[in-house]
Amino acid sequence: MAMKYCPNCGNQIESNTKFCPNCGTQIGDAAAVVPSNNNNYNDAGTQFTAGSASNGKPPIDGRVKKRGIVSAIIFSLITCGLYLIYWIIKITNEMNILLDRKNATGGLMTIVFTLLTCGLYGFYWAYKLGDNVDLLKGNRSGNTGILFLVVYIFGFGIINVVLAQDAINDKLDGIY
C-alpha cells in the first residue's frame, strides 16, 4: 500500500494538504509517494531525516502556536505582568523557530539579560524583535526595528509584543 509523504521531512500527509504540518513545506502535485515499508526515503531515493529543514523552512511541529491577542493582554493585566513575561519568552522562542535561528538568544535568557543589565538589554531585544517581524513578513528592507525601539523607549513595550504576536499568527495562517 502506497502512502503520501512530505518531500522535505517525510511526514505522512493527507492528499489534499497544501503545506506539511510538520515542516511547513509547500506540497505540490509531486509529493512523495513512498511504500509504507520504506519510510526513510523519498520518491527520488534520497534519504531524509524527519524534521529536517533542508529547504530553509523550519520544523514547526507544534512548538509555535497562535495566541489570542486580546486574551493575552487581559491575562497580562490580571496577573500584574507575570503573563507578559511568559508571553515575551514564548514570542522570542517562536520567532527563533520560525526564522530557523538555532543559536539565537532564547526568551528566558532575554529576560535574564534584561534584569542583569537593569533594562538595557531590553532596548536591543525590542530593536531585534522589530527586525524579526520584518523578516517574518518577508520585508527585508523594513524599519520596524526602529519603530519597536521607539515604542519601547516610551514605555509601551506591550505594543511590540502584540505586533510580534500578530506577525506570528499571520505566518501560521499562511502555513496551515
N, C-alpha and C. Protein backbone atom coordinates (compact mmCIF):
# COMPACT_ATOMS: atom_id res chain seq x y z
N MET A 1 0.84 -1.18 0.00
CA MET A 1 0.00 0.00 0.00
C MET A 1 0.88 1.24 0.00
N ALA A 2 0.66 2.18 -0.92
CA ALA A 2 1.46 3.40 -1.03
C ALA A 2 0.82 4.51 -0.21
N MET A 3 1.66 5.33 0.43
CA MET A 3 1.19 6.46 1.23
C MET A 3 1.86 7.73 0.71
N LYS A 4 1.29 8.88 0.98
CA LYS A 4 1.84 10.15 0.54
C LYS A 4 2.64 10.77 1.68
N TYR A 5 3.84 11.25 1.35
CA TYR A 5 4.74 11.83 2.34
C TYR A 5 5.27 13.16 1.86
N CYS A 6 5.65 14.01 2.81
CA CYS A 6 6.27 15.30 2.51
C CYS A 6 7.63 15.04 1.86
N PRO A 7 7.95 15.72 0.74
CA PRO A 7 9.24 15.51 0.10
C PRO A 7 10.41 16.09 0.89
N ASN A 8 10.13 16.93 1.89
CA ASN A 8 11.20 17.53 2.68
C ASN A 8 11.52 16.73 3.94
N CYS A 9 10.50 16.45 4.75
CA CYS A 9 10.76 15.83 6.06
C CYS A 9 10.27 14.39 6.16
N GLY A 10 9.47 13.95 5.19
CA GLY A 10 8.99 12.58 5.21
C GLY A 10 7.75 12.35 6.05
N ASN A 11 7.16 13.41 6.58
CA ASN A 11 5.96 13.30 7.39
C ASN A 11 4.80 12.80 6.53
N GLN A 12 4.01 11.87 7.05
CA GLN A 12 2.84 11.38 6.32
C GLN A 12 1.82 12.50 6.22
N ILE A 13 1.29 12.72 5.02
CA ILE A 13 0.35 13.82 4.79
C ILE A 13 -0.89 13.32 4.08
N GLU A 14 -1.96 14.09 4.21
CA GLU A 14 -3.19 13.78 3.50
C GLU A 14 -3.08 14.31 2.08
N SER A 15 -3.81 13.73 1.17
CA SER A 15 -3.67 14.07 -0.25
C SER A 15 -4.08 15.50 -0.56
N ASN A 16 -4.97 16.12 0.22
CA ASN A 16 -5.43 17.47 -0.07
C ASN A 16 -4.66 18.54 0.71
N THR A 17 -3.57 18.18 1.38
CA THR A 17 -2.80 19.12 2.19
C THR A 17 -1.98 20.04 1.30
N LYS A 18 -2.01 21.36 1.59
CA LYS A 18 -1.24 22.33 0.82
C LYS A 18 0.15 22.54 1.40
N PHE A 19 0.27 22.43 2.73
CA PHE A 19 1.55 22.60 3.41
C PHE A 19 1.73 21.47 4.41
N CYS A 20 2.95 20.99 4.54
CA CYS A 20 3.24 19.94 5.50
C CYS A 20 3.04 20.48 6.91
N PRO A 21 2.24 19.82 7.74
CA PRO A 21 2.03 20.30 9.11
C PRO A 21 3.27 20.15 9.99
N ASN A 22 4.24 19.37 9.55
CA ASN A 22 5.45 19.15 10.35
C ASN A 22 6.52 20.21 10.06
N CYS A 23 6.80 20.48 8.77
CA CYS A 23 7.91 21.37 8.45
C CYS A 23 7.51 22.62 7.68
N GLY A 24 6.26 22.70 7.22
CA GLY A 24 5.80 23.89 6.53
C GLY A 24 6.08 23.91 5.04
N THR A 25 6.65 22.84 4.50
CA THR A 25 6.96 22.79 3.07
C THR A 25 5.68 22.80 2.25
N GLN A 26 5.66 23.63 1.19
CA GLN A 26 4.50 23.65 0.32
C GLN A 26 4.46 22.33 -0.45
N ILE A 27 3.31 21.71 -0.46
CA ILE A 27 3.13 20.42 -1.10
C ILE A 27 2.49 20.64 -2.45
N GLY A 28 3.18 20.24 -3.50
CA GLY A 28 2.63 20.33 -4.84
C GLY A 28 2.07 19.01 -5.28
N ASP A 29 1.87 18.88 -6.59
CA ASP A 29 1.35 17.63 -7.13
C ASP A 29 2.38 16.51 -7.05
N ALA A 30 3.66 16.87 -6.87
CA ALA A 30 4.73 15.87 -6.89
C ALA A 30 5.16 15.44 -5.49
N ALA A 31 4.23 15.40 -4.55
CA ALA A 31 4.59 14.93 -3.21
C ALA A 31 5.02 13.48 -3.28
N ALA A 32 5.91 13.13 -2.40
CA ALA A 32 6.47 11.78 -2.44
C ALA A 32 5.42 10.73 -2.13
N VAL A 33 5.34 9.74 -2.99
CA VAL A 33 4.51 8.58 -2.72
C VAL A 33 5.49 7.44 -2.49
N VAL A 34 5.51 6.96 -1.25
CA VAL A 34 6.51 6.01 -0.83
C VAL A 34 5.82 4.77 -0.28
N PRO A 35 6.32 3.60 -0.60
CA PRO A 35 5.76 2.41 0.03
C PRO A 35 5.88 2.51 1.55
N SER A 36 4.87 2.04 2.27
CA SER A 36 4.85 2.21 3.72
C SER A 36 5.96 1.46 4.43
N ASN A 37 6.62 0.50 3.78
CA ASN A 37 7.72 -0.20 4.42
C ASN A 37 9.07 0.48 4.18
N ASN A 38 9.06 1.64 3.53
CA ASN A 38 10.30 2.33 3.18
C ASN A 38 10.23 3.78 3.63
N ASN A 39 9.95 4.02 4.89
CA ASN A 39 9.65 5.36 5.39
C ASN A 39 10.83 6.30 5.49
N ASN A 40 12.04 5.89 5.23
CA ASN A 40 13.19 6.79 5.36
C ASN A 40 13.72 7.29 4.03
N TYR A 41 12.98 7.08 2.93
CA TYR A 41 13.45 7.53 1.61
C TYR A 41 12.32 8.24 0.89
N ASN A 42 12.66 9.30 0.16
CA ASN A 42 11.64 9.98 -0.63
C ASN A 42 11.54 9.34 -2.01
N ASP A 43 10.72 9.93 -2.92
CA ASP A 43 10.49 9.29 -4.20
C ASP A 43 11.72 9.30 -5.10
N ALA A 44 12.70 10.15 -4.83
CA ALA A 44 13.92 10.16 -5.62
C ALA A 44 14.96 9.19 -5.07
N GLY A 45 14.63 8.47 -4.02
CA GLY A 45 15.56 7.53 -3.42
C GLY A 45 16.54 8.19 -2.47
N THR A 46 16.33 9.47 -2.16
CA THR A 46 17.21 10.19 -1.26
C THR A 46 16.73 10.01 0.17
N GLN A 47 17.66 9.72 1.06
CA GLN A 47 17.28 9.53 2.45
C GLN A 47 16.98 10.88 3.09
N PHE A 48 15.95 10.94 3.90
CA PHE A 48 15.62 12.15 4.62
C PHE A 48 15.62 11.87 6.10
N THR A 49 15.70 12.96 6.87
CA THR A 49 15.61 12.86 8.32
C THR A 49 14.34 13.57 8.74
N ALA A 50 13.50 12.91 9.48
CA ALA A 50 12.25 13.53 9.91
C ALA A 50 12.54 14.80 10.67
N GLY A 51 11.84 15.86 10.29
CA GLY A 51 12.01 17.15 10.95
C GLY A 51 13.11 17.99 10.35
N SER A 52 13.78 17.54 9.29
CA SER A 52 14.84 18.35 8.70
C SER A 52 14.23 19.52 7.97
N ALA A 53 15.00 20.55 7.81
CA ALA A 53 14.52 21.75 7.14
C ALA A 53 15.47 22.12 6.02
N SER A 54 15.74 21.21 5.11
CA SER A 54 16.71 21.44 4.07
C SER A 54 16.27 22.50 3.07
N ASN A 55 14.99 22.83 3.01
CA ASN A 55 14.53 23.84 2.09
C ASN A 55 14.50 25.23 2.73
N GLY A 56 15.06 25.39 3.89
CA GLY A 56 15.10 26.67 4.57
C GLY A 56 13.89 26.94 5.44
N LYS A 57 12.91 26.07 5.45
CA LYS A 57 11.74 26.27 6.30
C LYS A 57 11.94 25.49 7.58
N PRO A 58 11.72 26.12 8.72
CA PRO A 58 11.98 25.45 10.00
C PRO A 58 10.91 24.41 10.32
N PRO A 59 11.28 23.37 11.05
CA PRO A 59 10.27 22.43 11.52
C PRO A 59 9.48 23.05 12.66
N ILE A 60 8.20 23.23 12.47
CA ILE A 60 7.38 23.91 13.48
C ILE A 60 6.83 22.90 14.47
N ASP A 61 6.34 21.79 14.03
CA ASP A 61 5.84 20.65 14.79
C ASP A 61 5.27 20.97 16.16
N GLY A 62 4.34 21.92 16.24
CA GLY A 62 3.64 22.19 17.48
C GLY A 62 4.36 23.11 18.45
N ARG A 63 5.57 23.55 18.14
CA ARG A 63 6.30 24.43 19.06
C ARG A 63 5.89 25.88 18.91
N VAL A 64 5.21 26.21 17.83
CA VAL A 64 4.73 27.57 17.61
C VAL A 64 3.22 27.51 17.53
N LYS A 65 2.57 28.33 18.35
CA LYS A 65 1.11 28.29 18.40
C LYS A 65 0.54 29.69 18.30
N LYS A 66 -0.64 29.76 17.69
CA LYS A 66 -1.36 31.03 17.64
C LYS A 66 -1.88 31.35 19.03
N ARG A 67 -1.88 32.63 19.36
CA ARG A 67 -2.43 33.10 20.63
C ARG A 67 -3.44 34.19 20.35
N GLY A 68 -4.50 34.20 21.13
CA GLY A 68 -5.45 35.29 21.05
C GLY A 68 -4.84 36.53 21.71
N ILE A 69 -4.73 37.59 20.96
CA ILE A 69 -4.04 38.79 21.45
C ILE A 69 -4.83 39.44 22.58
N VAL A 70 -6.12 39.56 22.43
CA VAL A 70 -6.94 40.21 23.47
C VAL A 70 -6.87 39.42 24.78
N SER A 71 -6.99 38.10 24.69
CA SER A 71 -6.94 37.31 25.92
C SER A 71 -5.55 37.37 26.55
N ALA A 72 -4.50 37.43 25.74
CA ALA A 72 -3.14 37.53 26.29
C ALA A 72 -2.95 38.86 27.01
N ILE A 73 -3.51 39.93 26.47
CA ILE A 73 -3.43 41.24 27.13
C ILE A 73 -4.20 41.20 28.45
N ILE A 74 -5.38 40.61 28.44
CA ILE A 74 -6.19 40.52 29.66
C ILE A 74 -5.46 39.69 30.72
N PHE A 75 -4.87 38.54 30.32
CA PHE A 75 -4.10 37.72 31.27
C PHE A 75 -2.92 38.50 31.83
N SER A 76 -2.28 39.30 30.97
CA SER A 76 -1.14 40.11 31.44
C SER A 76 -1.58 41.12 32.49
N LEU A 77 -2.74 41.73 32.30
CA LEU A 77 -3.26 42.70 33.26
C LEU A 77 -3.68 42.02 34.56
N ILE A 78 -4.39 40.90 34.43
CA ILE A 78 -4.89 40.20 35.62
C ILE A 78 -3.74 39.70 36.49
N THR A 79 -2.66 39.23 35.86
CA THR A 79 -1.53 38.67 36.61
C THR A 79 -0.46 39.70 36.93
N CYS A 80 -0.80 40.98 36.77
CA CYS A 80 0.14 42.08 37.07
C CYS A 80 1.46 41.95 36.30
N GLY A 81 1.38 41.50 35.07
CA GLY A 81 2.55 41.43 34.21
C GLY A 81 3.26 40.09 34.16
N LEU A 82 2.89 39.15 35.02
CA LEU A 82 3.56 37.85 35.00
C LEU A 82 3.32 37.10 33.69
N TYR A 83 2.09 37.16 33.20
CA TYR A 83 1.81 36.51 31.92
C TYR A 83 2.57 37.21 30.79
N LEU A 84 2.76 38.52 30.90
CA LEU A 84 3.52 39.26 29.89
C LEU A 84 4.96 38.75 29.81
N ILE A 85 5.55 38.43 30.94
CA ILE A 85 6.91 37.87 30.94
C ILE A 85 6.91 36.52 30.22
N TYR A 86 5.94 35.68 30.54
CA TYR A 86 5.81 34.39 29.85
C TYR A 86 5.61 34.60 28.35
N TRP A 87 4.78 35.56 27.99
CA TRP A 87 4.46 35.86 26.60
C TRP A 87 5.72 36.31 25.86
N ILE A 88 6.52 37.15 26.48
CA ILE A 88 7.78 37.60 25.88
C ILE A 88 8.71 36.41 25.63
N ILE A 89 8.80 35.53 26.60
CA ILE A 89 9.64 34.33 26.45
C ILE A 89 9.15 33.50 25.26
N LYS A 90 7.85 33.27 25.19
CA LYS A 90 7.29 32.45 24.12
C LYS A 90 7.48 33.11 22.76
N ILE A 91 7.23 34.40 22.66
CA ILE A 91 7.36 35.09 21.37
C ILE A 91 8.80 35.05 20.89
N THR A 92 9.73 35.28 21.79
CA THR A 92 11.15 35.25 21.42
C THR A 92 11.54 33.86 20.91
N ASN A 93 11.13 32.83 21.62
CA ASN A 93 11.44 31.46 21.19
C ASN A 93 10.76 31.11 19.87
N GLU A 94 9.51 31.52 19.71
CA GLU A 94 8.77 31.20 18.49
C GLU A 94 9.34 31.93 17.28
N MET A 95 9.78 33.16 17.47
CA MET A 95 10.45 33.89 16.37
C MET A 95 11.72 33.15 15.95
N ASN A 96 12.48 32.68 16.94
CA ASN A 96 13.70 31.93 16.62
C ASN A 96 13.38 30.66 15.84
N ILE A 97 12.29 30.00 16.18
CA ILE A 97 11.89 28.79 15.48
C ILE A 97 11.45 29.12 14.06
N LEU A 98 10.58 30.11 13.91
CA LEU A 98 10.06 30.46 12.60
C LEU A 98 11.14 30.99 11.66
N LEU A 99 12.14 31.66 12.22
CA LEU A 99 13.23 32.19 11.39
C LEU A 99 14.41 31.23 11.33
N ASP A 100 14.25 30.04 11.91
CA ASP A 100 15.26 28.97 11.90
C ASP A 100 16.60 29.46 12.46
N ARG A 101 16.54 30.09 13.61
CA ARG A 101 17.75 30.59 14.28
C ARG A 101 18.01 29.70 15.48
N LYS A 102 18.86 28.73 15.27
CA LYS A 102 19.13 27.73 16.31
C LYS A 102 20.01 28.28 17.44
N ASN A 103 20.88 29.23 17.14
CA ASN A 103 21.82 29.74 18.16
C ASN A 103 21.45 31.13 18.67
N ALA A 104 20.25 31.59 18.37
CA ALA A 104 19.84 32.91 18.83
C ALA A 104 19.50 32.88 20.32
N THR A 105 19.53 34.04 20.94
CA THR A 105 19.20 34.14 22.35
C THR A 105 17.75 33.75 22.58
N GLY A 106 17.51 32.86 23.50
CA GLY A 106 16.17 32.39 23.82
C GLY A 106 15.41 33.38 24.67
N GLY A 107 14.15 33.10 24.85
CA GLY A 107 13.28 34.00 25.60
C GLY A 107 13.65 34.14 27.06
N LEU A 108 13.97 33.02 27.71
CA LEU A 108 14.33 33.08 29.12
C LEU A 108 15.62 33.88 29.33
N MET A 109 16.59 33.66 28.44
CA MET A 109 17.85 34.41 28.55
C MET A 109 17.63 35.90 28.27
N THR A 110 16.67 36.21 27.42
CA THR A 110 16.32 37.61 27.17
C THR A 110 15.87 38.28 28.45
N ILE A 111 15.01 37.61 29.21
CA ILE A 111 14.54 38.16 30.49
C ILE A 111 15.70 38.28 31.46
N VAL A 112 16.55 37.25 31.55
CA VAL A 112 17.69 37.28 32.47
C VAL A 112 18.64 38.41 32.10
N PHE A 113 18.99 38.55 30.81
CA PHE A 113 19.90 39.62 30.38
C PHE A 113 19.31 41.00 30.65
N THR A 114 18.00 41.13 30.45
CA THR A 114 17.35 42.42 30.71
C THR A 114 17.41 42.76 32.20
N LEU A 115 17.20 41.77 33.06
CA LEU A 115 17.30 42.01 34.51
C LEU A 115 18.73 42.33 34.92
N LEU A 116 19.70 41.57 34.39
CA LEU A 116 21.11 41.78 34.77
C LEU A 116 21.66 43.12 34.31
N THR A 117 21.13 43.63 33.20
CA THR A 117 21.62 44.92 32.68
C THR A 117 20.71 46.08 33.07
N CYS A 118 19.86 45.86 34.05
CA CYS A 118 18.93 46.89 34.54
C CYS A 118 18.08 47.46 33.40
N GLY A 119 17.67 46.60 32.50
CA GLY A 119 16.77 47.01 31.43
C GLY A 119 17.43 47.36 30.11
N LEU A 120 18.75 47.52 30.08
CA LEU A 120 19.40 47.95 28.84
C LEU A 120 19.27 46.91 27.72
N TYR A 121 19.36 45.64 28.06
CA TYR A 121 19.23 44.60 27.03
C TYR A 121 17.85 44.64 26.38
N GLY A 122 16.86 45.11 27.11
CA GLY A 122 15.50 45.22 26.58
C GLY A 122 15.42 46.12 25.36
N PHE A 123 16.25 47.16 25.31
CA PHE A 123 16.27 48.04 24.14
C PHE A 123 16.76 47.28 22.90
N TYR A 124 17.83 46.53 23.09
CA TYR A 124 18.36 45.71 22.00
C TYR A 124 17.33 44.67 21.57
N TRP A 125 16.69 44.01 22.54
CA TRP A 125 15.68 43.00 22.24
C TRP A 125 14.53 43.60 21.43
N ALA A 126 14.07 44.79 21.84
CA ALA A 126 12.96 45.44 21.13
C ALA A 126 13.34 45.73 19.68
N TYR A 127 14.55 46.22 19.47
CA TYR A 127 15.01 46.52 18.11
C TYR A 127 15.07 45.23 17.28
N LYS A 128 15.66 44.18 17.84
CA LYS A 128 15.78 42.91 17.12
C LYS A 128 14.41 42.27 16.87
N LEU A 129 13.50 42.43 17.82
CA LEU A 129 12.15 41.90 17.62
C LEU A 129 11.49 42.55 16.41
N GLY A 130 11.67 43.85 16.27
CA GLY A 130 11.14 44.55 15.10
C GLY A 130 11.77 44.05 13.81
N ASP A 131 13.08 43.84 13.83
CA ASP A 131 13.75 43.28 12.65
C ASP A 131 13.21 41.89 12.33
N ASN A 132 12.98 41.08 13.37
CA ASN A 132 12.45 39.73 13.16
C ASN A 132 11.04 39.76 12.58
N VAL A 133 10.23 40.73 13.00
CA VAL A 133 8.89 40.88 12.44
C VAL A 133 9.00 41.19 10.94
N ASP A 134 9.93 42.08 10.58
CA ASP A 134 10.15 42.37 9.16
C ASP A 134 10.53 41.12 8.39
N LEU A 135 11.46 40.34 8.93
CA LEU A 135 11.89 39.11 8.26
C LEU A 135 10.75 38.11 8.15
N LEU A 136 9.95 38.01 9.18
CA LEU A 136 8.83 37.07 9.17
C LEU A 136 7.81 37.45 8.11
N LYS A 137 7.64 38.73 7.90
CA LYS A 137 6.68 39.21 6.89
C LYS A 137 7.30 39.28 5.50
N GLY A 138 8.60 38.96 5.40
CA GLY A 138 9.26 38.99 4.10
C GLY A 138 9.69 40.37 3.68
N ASN A 139 9.69 41.33 4.59
CA ASN A 139 10.09 42.70 4.30
C ASN A 139 11.54 42.88 4.72
N ARG A 140 12.46 42.61 3.82
CA ARG A 140 13.89 42.62 4.14
C ARG A 140 14.47 44.02 4.32
N SER A 141 13.77 45.04 3.85
CA SER A 141 14.32 46.40 3.96
C SER A 141 13.47 47.28 4.88
N GLY A 142 12.75 46.68 5.80
CA GLY A 142 11.85 47.43 6.67
C GLY A 142 12.58 48.12 7.81
N ASN A 143 11.87 49.04 8.43
CA ASN A 143 12.40 49.79 9.57
C ASN A 143 11.60 49.53 10.83
N THR A 144 11.00 48.38 10.94
CA THR A 144 10.17 48.06 12.09
C THR A 144 11.01 47.99 13.36
N GLY A 145 12.29 47.64 13.25
CA GLY A 145 13.17 47.61 14.42
C GLY A 145 13.26 48.96 15.09
N ILE A 146 13.36 50.01 14.30
CA ILE A 146 13.43 51.37 14.85
C ILE A 146 12.10 51.74 15.51
N LEU A 147 11.00 51.39 14.86
CA LEU A 147 9.68 51.65 15.44
C LEU A 147 9.53 50.94 16.78
N PHE A 148 9.93 49.66 16.83
CA PHE A 148 9.83 48.90 18.08
C PHE A 148 10.71 49.51 19.16
N LEU A 149 11.88 49.99 18.81
CA LEU A 149 12.77 50.62 19.78
C LEU A 149 12.15 51.89 20.34
N VAL A 150 11.58 52.72 19.49
CA VAL A 150 10.95 53.97 19.94
C VAL A 150 9.76 53.67 20.85
N VAL A 151 8.95 52.70 20.46
CA VAL A 151 7.79 52.33 21.28
C VAL A 151 8.27 51.83 22.65
N TYR A 152 9.35 51.04 22.67
CA TYR A 152 9.90 50.51 23.92
C TYR A 152 10.47 51.65 24.79
N ILE A 153 11.13 52.62 24.18
CA ILE A 153 11.69 53.75 24.92
C ILE A 153 10.59 54.52 25.64
N PHE A 154 9.43 54.66 25.00
CA PHE A 154 8.33 55.40 25.61
C PHE A 154 7.51 54.55 26.57
N GLY A 155 7.94 53.32 26.82
CA GLY A 155 7.31 52.51 27.86
C GLY A 155 6.10 51.71 27.42
N PHE A 156 5.93 51.54 26.13
CA PHE A 156 4.79 50.78 25.62
C PHE A 156 5.24 49.47 24.98
N GLY A 157 6.10 48.75 25.65
CA GLY A 157 6.65 47.50 25.13
C GLY A 157 5.61 46.45 24.84
N ILE A 158 4.48 46.51 25.50
CA ILE A 158 3.42 45.52 25.25
C ILE A 158 2.91 45.64 23.81
N ILE A 159 2.99 46.85 23.25
CA ILE A 159 2.58 47.02 21.85
C ILE A 159 3.50 46.22 20.94
N ASN A 160 4.80 46.20 21.24
CA ASN A 160 5.74 45.40 20.46
C ASN A 160 5.37 43.92 20.52
N VAL A 161 5.02 43.46 21.71
CA VAL A 161 4.66 42.05 21.88
C VAL A 161 3.39 41.74 21.09
N VAL A 162 2.42 42.65 21.12
CA VAL A 162 1.18 42.45 20.38
C VAL A 162 1.46 42.40 18.88
N LEU A 163 2.28 43.31 18.37
CA LEU A 163 2.59 43.32 16.94
C LEU A 163 3.37 42.08 16.52
N ALA A 164 4.27 41.63 17.38
CA ALA A 164 5.03 40.41 17.09
C ALA A 164 4.10 39.20 17.08
N GLN A 165 3.18 39.12 18.04
CA GLN A 165 2.22 38.01 18.07
C GLN A 165 1.35 38.03 16.84
N ASP A 166 0.95 39.21 16.40
CA ASP A 166 0.14 39.32 15.19
C ASP A 166 0.90 38.79 13.98
N ALA A 167 2.20 39.10 13.89
CA ALA A 167 3.03 38.61 12.79
C ALA A 167 3.15 37.09 12.85
N ILE A 168 3.31 36.54 14.05
CA ILE A 168 3.40 35.08 14.21
C ILE A 168 2.08 34.43 13.80
N ASN A 169 0.96 35.00 14.25
CA ASN A 169 -0.35 34.46 13.89
C ASN A 169 -0.57 34.50 12.38
N ASP A 170 -0.17 35.61 11.74
CA ASP A 170 -0.31 35.71 10.29
C ASP A 170 0.54 34.68 9.57
N LYS A 171 1.76 34.46 10.06
CA LYS A 171 2.65 33.47 9.45
C LYS A 171 2.05 32.07 9.58
N LEU A 172 1.50 31.76 10.74
CA LEU A 172 0.90 30.45 10.94
C LEU A 172 -0.34 30.28 10.07
N ASP A 173 -1.09 31.36 9.84
CA ASP A 173 -2.25 31.28 8.94
C ASP A 173 -1.80 30.96 7.53
N GLY A 174 -0.64 31.49 7.13
CA GLY A 174 -0.11 31.22 5.79
C GLY A 174 0.45 29.83 5.63
N ILE A 175 0.88 29.20 6.74
CA ILE A 175 1.48 27.88 6.66
C ILE A 175 0.41 26.80 6.69
N TYR A 176 -0.61 26.97 7.54
CA TYR A 176 -1.61 25.91 7.69
C TYR A 176 -2.87 26.23 6.96
